Every structure is written in structure tokens, then in C-alpha cells.
Amino acid sequence: MLLIGVPPPTNLTVSCTNPNVSLSWEFSEQQTHTEFKIDRHFDLSRLVWKSEAHFMAFYGVNVTALQGGNQSKEAKTTFTFNGLKVAHVNCEYM
């Protein structure tokens, strides 16, 4: 169920500093009893470096805030190490 009163996460950020790839976001501290299925920082390194196919993939990330049985709209971003694909964040392999 989508509730207008549950604000979405903000400043969804992908950081890709080789070999570390992580995702982070902010959420208003004024909102109580808010949960995320993962913490506000998530390490994506193991997924990205699992294989060459994973490394060259295009990733879409969606994060929602949960309050009780209600959830916010999604905060979205995309990233890739593949220079032939267009994403919000184009990471460079060094």
C-alpha cells in the first residue's frame, strides 16, 4: 500500500571507487518507525565483481521506506561499468 505521508528516501547515491561499489541514501530522521530491508548503506561489490558478465551489466536500484504496512514511492538510480550503456552513474574501471 502506498501512503502519501511516507516520504521517499533522498540522495540515493552509488559510489564506485574500485574495487568498492556501494549504495547509500538519506531519510528524514523526523520519521519514526521507518524500516528498510537493508541498512542505509549497502555494499554491492560482491555482486558487481562476481563475474565479467556481472561487471559489464546495467544495474537499476530502487529503494523504498516502510512504515508499518505502508511504503513510500521509490527512489531510483542506475549504474554500470559498461561504457557502451547510459546510466545515472557511469563507473570507471581502473
Protein backbone atom coordinates (compact mmCIF):
# COMPACT_ATOMS: atom_id res chain seq x y z
CA MET A 1 0.00 0.00 0.00
CA LEU A 2 1.36 3.43 -0.94
CA LEU A 3 0.79 6.15 1.62
CA ILE A 4 1.29 9.80 0.73
CA GLY A 5 2.57 10.51 4.27
CA VAL A 6 5.62 8.24 3.88
CA PRO A 7 8.36 10.27 2.20
CA PRO A 8 10.77 8.50 -0.15
CA PRO A 9 14.48 8.20 0.61
CA THR A 10 16.58 11.04 -0.79
CA ASN A 11 20.10 11.49 -2.16
CA LEU A 12 20.32 7.92 -3.44
CA THR A 13 24.00 7.63 -4.29
CA VAL A 14 26.15 4.99 -5.99
CA SER A 15 29.81 5.16 -5.12
CA CYS A 16 32.10 3.16 -7.40
CA THR A 17 35.68 3.53 -6.24
CA ASN A 18 37.46 0.37 -7.37
CA PRO A 19 37.09 -2.23 -6.11
CA ASN A 20 34.35 -0.98 -3.79
CA VAL A 21 30.84 -0.35 -5.08
CA SER A 22 28.25 0.84 -2.59
CA LEU A 23 24.81 2.36 -2.37
CA SER A 24 23.67 4.89 0.24
CA TRP A 25 20.72 7.18 0.86
CA GLU A 26 19.26 9.59 3.38
CA PHE A 27 15.93 9.63 5.12
CA SER A 28 14.31 12.24 7.37
CA GLU A 29 15.18 11.45 10.97
CA GLN A 30 11.86 13.00 12.00
CA GLN A 31 10.01 9.94 10.72
CA THR A 32 9.69 7.28 13.42
CA HIS A 33 9.31 3.54 12.96
CA THR A 34 10.74 3.60 9.44
CA GLU A 35 12.42 0.46 8.15
CA PHE A 36 14.47 -0.56 5.15
CA LYS A 37 15.09 -4.17 4.16
CA ILE A 38 18.78 -3.25 4.18
CA ASP A 39 20.68 -0.56 6.11
CA ARG A 40 21.13 2.93 4.68
CA HIS A 41 24.43 1.80 3.19
CA PHE A 42 24.76 -1.35 1.12
CA ASP A 43 27.94 -2.86 -0.32
CA LEU A 44 27.37 -4.05 -3.91
CA SER A 45 30.99 -5.09 -4.53
CA ARG A 46 30.46 -8.87 -4.31
CA LEU A 47 27.59 -8.70 -6.80
CA VAL A 48 29.40 -6.48 -9.31
CA TRP A 49 32.72 -8.37 -9.25
CA LYS A 50 31.13 -11.86 -9.25
CA SER A 51 31.91 -12.35 -12.96
CA GLU A 52 32.69 -10.46 -16.15
CA ALA A 53 29.01 -10.62 -17.11
CA HIS A 54 28.05 -9.01 -13.79
CA PHE A 55 30.80 -6.39 -14.15
CA MET A 56 29.54 -5.35 -17.60
CA ALA A 57 25.86 -5.36 -16.59
CA PHE A 58 23.48 -2.41 -16.27
CA TYR A 59 22.08 -2.10 -12.74
CA GLY A 60 18.86 -0.43 -11.66
CA VAL A 61 18.40 0.21 -7.95
CA ASN A 62 15.11 1.07 -6.23
CA VAL A 63 14.82 1.93 -2.52
CA THR A 64 11.56 2.44 -0.60
CA ALA A 65 10.88 3.39 3.00
CA LEU A 66 8.49 1.22 5.02
CA GLN A 67 6.35 2.47 7.89
CA GLY A 68 4.04 -0.15 9.32
CA GLY A 69 2.26 -1.69 6.32
CA ASN A 70 2.79 1.39 4.17
CA GLN A 71 5.63 2.25 1.82
CA SER A 72 6.94 5.33 0.08
CA LYS A 73 7.47 5.95 -3.58
CA GLU A 74 10.71 4.51 -4.90
CA ALA A 75 13.95 6.44 -5.06
CA LYS A 76 15.69 5.17 -8.22
CA THR A 77 19.12 5.26 -9.81
CA THR A 78 21.11 3.25 -12.35
CA PHE A 79 24.79 2.48 -12.73
CA THR A 80 27.17 0.50 -14.93
CA PHE A 81 30.85 -0.06 -15.65
CA ASN A 82 29.98 -0.68 -19.29
CA GLY A 83 30.95 2.40 -21.32
CA LEU A 84 28.50 1.41 -24.07
CA LYS A 85 25.50 1.79 -21.78
CA VAL A 86 23.99 5.02 -20.45
CA ALA A 87 23.19 5.25 -16.73
CA HIS A 88 22.81 7.86 -13.99
CA VAL A 89 26.29 6.83 -12.80
CA ASN A 90 28.90 5.55 -15.26
CA CYS A 91 31.64 3.93 -13.22
CA GLU A 92 35.19 3.61 -14.49
CA TYR A 93 37.35 0.55 -14.14
CA MET A 94 40.91 1.48 -13.15
